[in-house]
């Protein structure tokens, strides 16, 4: 049985709260099981993109951020361990402009995180 996909326009018309509306999100797998290193890399990447860190949780890893400019108002990043010395990083965006479908900040975040992990890992 397939589940119905949420419709953001219907949610807005029906008066659903913001928390129930779908948010743009992306996930990536990193070849490390060092969650502290990933947490540090995530925080570095978010600061490089102009986000202020609001909260950091360590178990499970969750970093919430915000900023006053651009299409993305808030960004929440979750880090999960995965089998075989890998971890999953998932970023969810809360948008200021409801018409934006795929904000470039998600792509930029993962590019910055990859760079931060490379620099951290190789001490360049």
C-alpha atoms as a PDB file:
ATOM      1  CA  UNK A   1       0.000   0.000   0.000  1.00  0.00           C
ATOM      2  CA  UNK A   2       1.427   3.399  -0.943  1.00  0.00           C
ATOM      3  CA  UNK A   3       1.043   6.398   1.284  1.00  0.00           C
ATOM      4  CA  UNK A   4      -0.361   9.635  -0.147  1.00  0.00           C
ATOM      5  CA  UNK A   5       2.151  12.441  -0.658  1.00  0.00           C
ATOM      6  CA  UNK A   6       1.498  15.672   1.269  1.00  0.00           C
ATOM      7  CA  UNK A   7       0.327  18.636  -0.759  1.00  0.00           C
ATOM      8  CA  UNK A   8       1.695  21.950   0.614  1.00  0.00           C
ATOM      9  CA  UNK A   9      -0.970  24.032  -1.141  1.00  0.00           C
ATOM     10  CA  UNK A  10      -3.735  21.922   0.357  1.00  0.00           C
ATOM     11  CA  UNK A  11      -2.089  22.244   3.759  1.00  0.00           C
ATOM     12  CA  UNK A  12      -2.073  26.029   3.444  1.00  0.00           C
ATOM     13  CA  UNK A  13      -5.694  26.136   2.286  1.00  0.00           C
ATOM     14  CA  UNK A  14      -6.867  23.844   5.079  1.00  0.00           C
ATOM     15  CA  UNK A  15      -5.097  25.886   7.704  1.00  0.00           C
ATOM     16  CA  UNK A  16      -2.630  23.200   8.785  1.00  0.00           C
ATOM     17  CA  UNK A  17       0.020  24.437  11.170  1.00  0.00           C
ATOM     18  CA  UNK A  18       3.504  25.224   9.820  1.00  0.00           C
ATOM     19  CA  UNK A  19       4.961  22.162  11.547  1.00  0.00           C
ATOM     20  CA  UNK A  20       2.874  19.829   9.361  1.00  0.00           C
ATOM     21  CA  UNK A  21       3.869  21.368   6.032  1.00  0.00           C
ATOM     22  CA  UNK A  22       6.574  19.504   4.123  1.00  0.00           C
ATOM     23  CA  UNK A  23      10.013  21.118   4.192  1.00  0.00           C
ATOM     24  CA  UNK A  24      12.801  20.822   1.653  1.00  0.00           C
ATOM     25  CA  UNK A  25      15.398  18.342   2.873  1.00  0.00           C
ATOM     26  CA  UNK A  26      18.464  16.517   1.605  1.00  0.00           C
ATOM     27  CA  UNK A  27      20.636  13.744   3.011  1.00  0.00           C
ATOM     28  CA  UNK A  28      24.213  12.648   2.358  1.00  0.00           C
ATOM     29  CA  UNK A  29      26.321   9.713   3.568  1.00  0.00           C
ATOM     30  CA  UNK A  30      29.824  10.382   4.917  1.00  0.00           C
ATOM     31  CA  UNK A  31      32.511   7.732   5.325  1.00  0.00           C
ATOM     32  CA  UNK A  32      33.118   8.289   9.003  1.00  0.00           C
ATOM     33  CA  UNK A  33      31.535   7.107  12.217  1.00  0.00           C
ATOM     34  CA  UNK A  34      33.147   9.932  14.218  1.00  0.00           C
ATOM     35  CA  UNK A  35      30.024  11.883  15.215  1.00  0.00           C
ATOM     36  CA  UNK A  36      32.043  14.520  17.097  1.00  0.00           C
ATOM     37  CA  UNK A  37      34.040  15.284  13.948  1.00  0.00           C
ATOM     38  CA  UNK A  38      30.836  15.471  11.897  1.00  0.00           C
ATOM     39  CA  UNK A  39      29.166  17.717  14.489  1.00  0.00           C
ATOM     40  CA  UNK A  40      32.149  20.066  14.356  1.00  0.00           C
ATOM     41  CA  UNK A  41      32.115  19.994  10.526  1.00  0.00           C
ATOM     42  CA  UNK A  42      28.384  20.737  10.421  1.00  0.00           C
ATOM     43  CA  UNK A  43      28.768  23.700  12.791  1.00  0.00           C
ATOM     44  CA  UNK A  44      31.696  25.049  10.741  1.00  0.00           C
ATOM     45  CA  UNK A  45      29.766  24.727   7.461  1.00  0.00           C
ATOM     46  CA  UNK A  46      26.679  26.430   8.903  1.00  0.00           C
ATOM     47  CA  UNK A  47      28.687  29.356  10.262  1.00  0.00           C
ATOM     48  CA  UNK A  48      30.415  29.730   6.871  1.00  0.00           C
ATOM     49  CA  UNK A  49      26.975  30.128   5.257  1.00  0.00           C
ATOM     50  CA  UNK A  50      25.956  32.880   7.693  1.00  0.00           C
ATOM     51  CA  UNK A  51      23.744  30.847  10.025  1.00  0.00           C
ATOM     52  CA  UNK A  52      23.753  31.483  13.769  1.00  0.00           C
ATOM     53  CA  UNK A  53      23.654  28.285  15.807  1.00  0.00           C
ATOM     54  CA  UNK A  54      20.652  28.234  18.116  1.00  0.00           C
ATOM     55  CA  UNK A  55      21.040  24.791  19.704  1.00  0.00           C
ATOM     56  CA  UNK A  56      23.347  21.777  19.575  1.00  0.00           C
ATOM     57  CA  UNK A  57      22.276  18.400  20.936  1.00  0.00           C
ATOM     58  CA  UNK A  58      24.701  15.518  21.127  1.00  0.00           C
ATOM     59  CA  UNK A  59      22.538  12.406  21.518  1.00  0.00           C
ATOM     60  CA  UNK A  60      21.260  12.172  18.849  1.00  0.00           C
ATOM     61  CA  UNK A  61      23.214  14.897  17.063  1.00  0.00           C
ATOM     62  CA  UNK A  62      20.915  17.784  16.122  1.00  0.00           C
ATOM     63  CA  UNK A  63      22.013  21.308  15.261  1.00  0.00           C
ATOM     64  CA  UNK A  64      19.392  24.022  14.737  1.00  0.00           C
ATOM     65  CA  UNK A  65      20.273  27.369  13.203  1.00  0.00           C
ATOM     66  CA  UNK A  66      18.671  30.563  11.973  1.00  0.00           C
ATOM     67  CA  UNK A  67      19.490  33.687   9.988  1.00  0.00           C
ATOM     68  CA  UNK A  68      17.679  36.867   9.019  1.00  0.00           C
ATOM     69  CA  UNK A  69      18.413  36.937   5.271  1.00  0.00           C
ATOM     70  CA  UNK A  70      18.074  34.684   2.222  1.00  0.00           C
ATOM     71  CA  UNK A  71      15.284  32.254   1.350  1.00  0.00           C
ATOM     72  CA  UNK A  72      16.142  29.858   4.192  1.00  0.00           C
ATOM     73  CA  UNK A  73      15.175  31.151   7.635  1.00  0.00           C
ATOM     74  CA  UNK A  74      16.056  28.077   9.702  1.00  0.00           C
ATOM     75  CA  UNK A  75      18.083  24.968   9.040  1.00  0.00           C
ATOM     76  CA  UNK A  76      18.020  21.829  11.184  1.00  0.00           C
ATOM     77  CA  UNK A  77      20.755  19.252  10.675  1.00  0.00           C
ATOM     78  CA  UNK A  78      20.564  15.697  12.032  1.00  0.00           C
ATOM     79  CA  UNK A  79      23.526  13.295  12.111  1.00  0.00           C
ATOM     80  CA  UNK A  80      22.839   9.557  12.398  1.00  0.00           C
ATOM     81  CA  UNK A  81      25.309   6.681  12.643  1.00  0.00           C
ATOM     82  CA  UNK A  82      25.080   4.059   9.910  1.00  0.00           C
ATOM     83  CA  UNK A  83      26.626   0.623   9.527  1.00  0.00           C
ATOM     84  CA  UNK A  84      30.148   0.079   8.186  1.00  0.00           C
ATOM     85  CA  UNK A  85      31.812   3.223   9.568  1.00  0.00           C
ATOM     86  CA  UNK A  86      29.414   5.630   7.868  1.00  0.00           C
ATOM     87  CA  UNK A  87      27.070   8.383   9.012  1.00  0.00           C
ATOM     88  CA  UNK A  88      24.041  10.072   7.482  1.00  0.00           C
ATOM     89  CA  UNK A  89      23.682  13.855   7.581  1.00  0.00           C
ATOM     90  CA  UNK A  90      20.176  15.194   6.905  1.00  0.00           C
ATOM     91  CA  UNK A  91      19.435  18.919   6.535  1.00  0.00           C
ATOM     92  CA  UNK A  92      15.877  20.296   6.654  1.00  0.00           C
ATOM     93  CA  UNK A  93      15.144  23.885   5.643  1.00  0.00           C
ATOM     94  CA  UNK A  94      12.397  26.224   6.826  1.00  0.00           C
ATOM     95  CA  UNK A  95      11.795  28.748   4.077  1.00  0.00           C
ATOM     96  CA  UNK A  96      10.846  32.415   4.230  1.00  0.00           C
ATOM     97  CA  UNK A  97       9.551  32.281   0.644  1.00  0.00           C
ATOM     98  CA  UNK A  98       6.942  29.520   0.341  1.00  0.00           C
ATOM     99  CA  UNK A  99       7.360  29.457  -3.463  1.00  0.00           C
ATOM    100  CA  UNK A 100      10.964  28.194  -3.240  1.00  0.00           C
ATOM    101  CA  UNK A 101      11.019  24.451  -3.887  1.00  0.00           C
ATOM    102  CA  UNK A 102      14.706  23.528  -3.678  1.00  0.00           C
ATOM    103  CA  UNK A 103      16.773  26.193  -1.951  1.00  0.00           C
ATOM    104  CA  UNK A 104      20.408  26.350  -3.103  1.00  0.00           C
ATOM    105  CA  UNK A 105      21.464  26.632   0.553  1.00  0.00           C
ATOM    106  CA  UNK A 106      21.015  22.880   0.994  1.00  0.00           C
ATOM    107  CA  UNK A 107      23.478  22.176  -1.830  1.00  0.00           C
ATOM    108  CA  UNK A 108      25.834  24.881  -0.526  1.00  0.00           C
ATOM    109  CA  UNK A 109      25.637  23.427   2.975  1.00  0.00           C
ATOM    110  CA  UNK A 110      26.705  19.968   1.805  1.00  0.00           C
ATOM    111  CA  UNK A 111      29.496  21.453  -0.324  1.00  0.00           C
ATOM    112  CA  UNK A 112      30.749  23.422   2.705  1.00  0.00           C
ATOM    113  CA  UNK A 113      30.425  20.344   4.940  1.00  0.00           C
ATOM    114  CA  UNK A 114      32.408  18.215   2.497  1.00  0.00           C
ATOM    115  CA  UNK A 115      35.113  20.875   2.412  1.00  0.00           C
ATOM    116  CA  UNK A 116      35.123  21.184   6.220  1.00  0.00           C
ATOM    117  CA  UNK A 117      35.398  17.404   6.620  1.00  0.00           C
ATOM    118  CA  UNK A 118      38.255  17.237   4.115  1.00  0.00           C
ATOM    119  CA  UNK A 119      40.106  20.080   5.787  1.00  0.00           C
ATOM    120  CA  UNK A 120      39.529  18.633   9.230  1.00  0.00           C
ATOM    121  CA  UNK A 121      40.535  15.131   8.212  1.00  0.00           C
ATOM    122  CA  UNK A 122      43.686  16.053   6.357  1.00  0.00           C
ATOM    123  CA  UNK A 123      44.764  19.102   8.399  1.00  0.00           C
ATOM    124  CA  UNK A 124      45.307  21.270   5.319  1.00  0.00           C
END
